[in-house]
Amino acid sequence: MSPALPRLLQLASPALPVGAYTYSQGLEWVVESGLVHDQPSALEWIAAVLEDGIGCFEAPLTAQLQRAWANREHGEIERLNADFVASRESSELRAETLQMGYSLRRLLHELDDFTVPPAYDALAEVSFPVGWALAAAVWKIPLADSLTAYLWSWCENQAMAALKAVPLGQSAGQRILLALGSRLPRVVEQALVLPEERWSNFAPGLALACSCHETQYTRLFRS
């Protein structure tokens, strides 16, 4: 068995102490508005964000970050990190990626036999994809596998948020994940070859949901 597989599972595990479970990325407000109210509507929302949002920008950017770490292209890493932070439309989304990025950087420093490159610490603000891509590159995880795990982890957090916010039962959550998992290969395949000039973060519904969540009266999640 390749030693990369256990490291891949470790990165994608809900036990990774970066606080991802505390965020819903606007899903909580969409539930409050009534747009998401059951299993089909939850799947429709999450799948749309996956395919038309994260899959068209965050996914190819994360893949490019892993390539850059593998090739020690530190200027490219700094540029992509700045682009991703600037792409966060709401203060909550920006705070989310910076908090998770900070937590992952601290974790990597605390792991045995993991050497953190100075270029990583030189970043004043580090987004979460930068740390994930670094770990995947250091552990020599195949790019398609690491990106699949990255997206799966996002899908799992979204499904768990729906379970709590709608609320839904555990079986409904697993049905949502099964449906999302069947879409991941195509999303990953596209992200790996999508040229940067075609990257798009245009998702106005998501941006509005995240902005409205900032003033939502009662909340379970931080975004």
Protein backbone atom coordinates (compact mmCIF):
# COMPACT_ATOMS: atom_id res chain seq x y z
CA MET A 1 0.00 0.00 0.00
CA SER A 2 1.24 3.46 -0.85
CA PRO A 3 2.11 5.57 2.24
CA ALA A 4 0.29 8.42 0.53
CA LEU A 5 -3.11 6.79 1.15
CA PRO A 6 -3.10 7.05 4.98
CA ARG A 7 -1.91 10.68 4.68
CA LEU A 8 -4.71 11.39 2.21
CA LEU A 9 -7.27 9.94 4.61
CA GLN A 10 -5.75 11.99 7.43
CA LEU A 11 -6.11 15.21 5.44
CA ALA A 12 -9.73 14.48 4.50
CA SER A 13 -10.77 13.29 7.96
CA PRO A 14 -13.38 15.28 9.91
CA ALA A 15 -10.94 14.89 12.82
CA LEU A 16 -8.48 17.28 11.15
CA PRO A 17 -8.42 20.09 13.74
CA VAL A 18 -9.04 23.08 11.49
CA GLY A 19 -12.62 23.87 12.53
CA ALA A 20 -14.32 23.17 9.19
CA TYR A 21 -17.39 21.76 10.94
CA THR A 22 -18.21 25.19 12.41
CA TYR A 23 -18.93 26.74 9.00
CA SER A 24 -21.86 26.36 6.59
CA GLN A 25 -20.79 28.82 3.84
CA GLY A 26 -24.20 30.44 3.64
CA LEU A 27 -26.17 27.19 3.78
CA GLU A 28 -27.63 28.08 7.16
CA TRP A 29 -29.16 31.27 5.74
CA VAL A 30 -30.52 29.39 2.71
CA VAL A 31 -32.29 27.06 5.15
CA GLU A 32 -33.60 30.07 7.09
CA SER A 33 -34.96 31.55 3.86
CA GLY A 34 -36.82 28.34 3.04
CA LEU A 35 -34.98 27.67 -0.21
CA VAL A 36 -33.44 24.54 1.32
CA HIS A 37 -35.99 22.61 3.37
CA ASP A 38 -35.56 18.89 2.63
CA GLN A 39 -33.17 16.33 1.17
CA PRO A 40 -33.77 17.13 -2.55
CA SER A 41 -33.42 20.89 -2.07
CA ALA A 42 -30.29 20.44 0.07
CA LEU A 43 -28.73 18.25 -2.61
CA GLU A 44 -29.68 20.72 -5.33
CA TRP A 45 -28.04 23.64 -3.49
CA ILE A 46 -24.85 21.82 -2.50
CA ALA A 47 -24.41 20.26 -5.94
CA ALA A 48 -24.86 23.64 -7.65
CA VAL A 49 -22.20 25.25 -5.44
CA LEU A 50 -19.89 22.28 -6.04
CA GLU A 51 -20.23 22.25 -9.82
CA ASP A 52 -20.71 25.93 -10.64
CA GLY A 53 -18.78 27.53 -7.78
CA ILE A 54 -16.02 25.69 -5.98
CA GLY A 55 -15.41 23.36 -8.93
CA CYS A 56 -14.74 26.27 -11.29
CA PHE A 57 -12.39 28.29 -9.09
CA GLU A 58 -11.30 26.87 -5.74
CA ALA A 59 -10.70 23.38 -7.15
CA PRO A 60 -8.44 24.36 -10.08
CA LEU A 61 -6.67 26.91 -7.87
CA THR A 62 -5.96 24.25 -5.24
CA ALA A 63 -4.62 21.91 -7.92
CA GLN A 64 -2.35 24.65 -9.24
CA LEU A 65 -1.13 25.33 -5.70
CA GLN A 66 -0.09 21.70 -5.29
CA ARG A 67 1.81 21.83 -8.58
CA ALA A 68 3.50 25.04 -7.43
CA TRP A 69 4.56 23.54 -4.09
CA ALA A 70 5.94 20.47 -5.86
CA ASN A 71 7.98 22.71 -8.17
CA ARG A 72 8.95 25.20 -5.42
CA GLU A 73 7.36 28.09 -7.30
CA HIS A 74 7.02 30.34 -4.28
CA GLY A 75 6.04 33.44 -6.22
CA GLU A 76 3.19 31.51 -7.82
CA ILE A 77 2.05 30.28 -4.39
CA GLU A 78 2.00 33.83 -3.04
CA ARG A 79 0.00 35.03 -6.05
CA LEU A 80 -2.58 32.26 -5.86
CA ASN A 81 -2.96 32.71 -2.11
CA ALA A 82 -3.64 36.43 -2.57
CA ASP A 83 -6.11 35.71 -5.38
CA PHE A 84 -8.05 33.23 -3.26
CA VAL A 85 -8.25 35.52 -0.21
CA ALA A 86 -9.41 38.38 -2.47
CA SER A 87 -12.09 36.15 -3.99
CA ARG A 88 -13.94 35.69 -0.69
CA GLU A 89 -17.05 37.84 -1.13
CA SER A 90 -18.07 38.24 2.51
CA SER A 91 -16.18 38.92 5.71
CA GLU A 92 -17.27 35.53 7.07
CA LEU A 93 -15.92 33.63 4.06
CA ARG A 94 -12.63 35.52 4.32
CA ALA A 95 -12.38 34.88 8.05
CA GLU A 96 -13.19 31.20 7.46
CA THR A 97 -10.36 30.47 5.05
CA LEU A 98 -7.85 32.48 7.09
CA GLN A 99 -8.84 30.79 10.36
CA MET A 100 -8.67 27.32 8.79
CA GLY A 101 -5.41 28.23 7.08
CA TYR A 102 -3.93 29.41 10.37
CA SER A 103 -5.05 26.24 12.16
CA LEU A 104 -3.64 23.99 9.45
CA ARG A 105 -0.30 25.84 9.47
CA ARG A 106 -0.07 25.42 13.23
CA LEU A 107 -0.93 21.72 12.92
CA LEU A 108 1.72 21.09 10.26
CA HIS A 109 4.32 22.70 12.52
CA GLU A 110 3.33 20.31 15.30
CA LEU A 111 3.48 17.12 13.22
CA ASP A 112 6.50 14.86 13.54
CA ASP A 113 8.65 14.50 10.42
CA PHE A 114 6.94 17.35 8.58
CA THR A 115 9.30 20.12 7.53
CA VAL A 116 7.48 23.39 6.95
CA PRO A 117 9.20 25.42 4.22
CA PRO A 118 10.09 29.04 5.05
CA ALA A 119 7.99 30.23 2.11
CA TYR A 120 4.89 28.96 3.90
CA ASP A 121 5.63 30.89 7.07
CA ALA A 122 6.51 33.96 5.02
CA LEU A 123 2.87 34.37 4.00
CA ALA A 124 1.30 36.97 6.30
CA GLU A 125 -2.18 35.62 5.62
CA VAL A 126 -2.51 32.02 4.55
CA SER A 127 -5.66 30.56 3.04
CA PHE A 128 -6.73 26.99 3.69
CA PRO A 129 -6.05 25.70 0.13
CA VAL A 130 -2.39 26.73 0.45
CA GLY A 131 -1.82 24.51 3.48
CA TRP A 132 -3.77 21.59 2.03
CA ALA A 133 -1.80 21.77 -1.21
CA LEU A 134 1.50 21.91 0.70
CA ALA A 135 0.66 18.82 2.75
CA ALA A 136 -0.44 16.95 -0.36
CA ALA A 137 2.77 17.89 -2.17
CA VAL A 138 5.05 16.97 0.75
CA TRP A 139 3.30 13.63 1.21
CA LYS A 140 3.44 13.02 -2.57
CA ILE A 141 -0.29 12.41 -2.86
CA PRO A 142 -1.34 12.11 -6.52
CA LEU A 143 -2.97 15.35 -7.64
CA ALA A 144 -6.29 13.83 -8.72
CA ASP A 145 -6.56 11.98 -5.41
CA SER A 146 -5.77 15.01 -3.27
CA LEU A 147 -8.26 17.18 -5.15
CA THR A 148 -10.95 14.52 -4.87
CA ALA A 149 -10.35 14.34 -1.13
CA TYR A 150 -10.39 18.14 -0.83
CA LEU A 151 -13.77 18.33 -2.54
CA TRP A 152 -15.11 15.32 -0.66
CA SER A 153 -14.22 16.98 2.64
CA TRP A 154 -16.11 20.10 1.53
CA CYS A 155 -19.13 18.03 0.48
CA GLU A 156 -19.14 16.18 3.78
CA ASN A 157 -19.07 19.40 5.78
CA GLN A 158 -21.93 20.80 3.70
CA ALA A 159 -23.99 17.63 4.19
CA MET A 160 -23.38 17.70 7.93
CA ALA A 161 -24.40 21.36 8.04
CA ALA A 162 -27.64 20.48 6.26
CA LEU A 163 -28.29 17.68 8.74
CA LYS A 164 -28.11 20.16 11.61
CA ALA A 165 -29.76 23.18 10.03
CA VAL A 166 -32.74 21.72 8.10
CA PRO A 167 -32.67 19.30 10.02
CA LEU A 168 -32.27 15.98 8.17
CA GLY A 169 -31.74 12.42 9.29
CA GLN A 170 -28.49 10.51 9.02
CA SER A 171 -29.77 8.38 6.12
CA ALA A 172 -30.69 11.51 4.19
CA GLY A 173 -27.18 12.79 4.73
CA GLN A 174 -25.69 9.61 3.34
CA ARG A 175 -27.96 9.75 0.30
CA ILE A 176 -26.80 13.32 -0.33
CA LEU A 177 -23.16 12.25 -0.06
CA LEU A 178 -23.73 9.31 -2.37
CA ALA A 179 -25.18 11.62 -5.01
CA LEU A 180 -22.42 14.20 -4.57
CA GLY A 181 -19.74 11.53 -4.73
CA SER A 182 -20.98 10.41 -8.13
CA ARG A 183 -20.40 13.95 -9.43
CA LEU A 184 -16.89 14.37 -8.06
CA PRO A 185 -14.94 12.56 -10.81
CA ARG A 186 -16.27 14.92 -13.48
CA VAL A 187 -15.65 18.01 -11.31
CA VAL A 188 -12.08 16.89 -10.58
CA GLU A 189 -11.39 16.00 -14.20
CA GLN A 190 -12.51 19.45 -15.31
CA ALA A 191 -10.59 21.27 -12.57
CA LEU A 192 -7.31 19.57 -13.46
CA VAL A 193 -7.35 20.86 -17.04
CA LEU A 194 -9.28 24.13 -16.74
CA PRO A 195 -7.00 27.00 -17.87
CA GLU A 196 -6.75 29.92 -15.49
CA GLU A 197 -8.39 32.33 -17.91
CA ARG A 198 -11.54 30.23 -17.56
CA TRP A 199 -11.57 30.04 -13.77
CA SER A 200 -14.75 31.62 -12.46
CA ASN A 201 -15.89 32.49 -8.97
CA PHE A 202 -19.18 33.96 -10.18
CA ALA A 203 -21.83 32.57 -7.81
CA PRO A 204 -24.11 35.47 -6.83
CA GLY A 205 -26.57 33.28 -4.94
CA LEU A 206 -23.79 31.96 -2.72
CA ALA A 207 -22.37 35.44 -2.18
CA LEU A 208 -25.77 36.80 -1.17
CA ALA A 209 -26.42 33.88 1.17
CA CYS A 210 -23.07 34.40 2.88
CA SER A 211 -23.64 38.14 3.20
CA CYS A 212 -27.13 37.66 4.64
CA HIS A 213 -25.80 35.12 7.13
CA GLU A 214 -23.65 37.82 8.70
CA THR A 215 -26.77 39.48 10.13
CA GLN A 216 -28.89 36.37 10.68
CA TYR A 217 -30.60 36.60 14.07
CA THR A 218 -29.89 33.09 15.36
CA ARG A 219 -27.04 30.97 14.04
CA LEU A 220 -25.43 27.58 14.60
CA PHE A 221 -22.53 28.21 12.23
CA ARG A 222 -19.86 30.86 11.81
CA SER A 223 -20.49 31.38 8.08
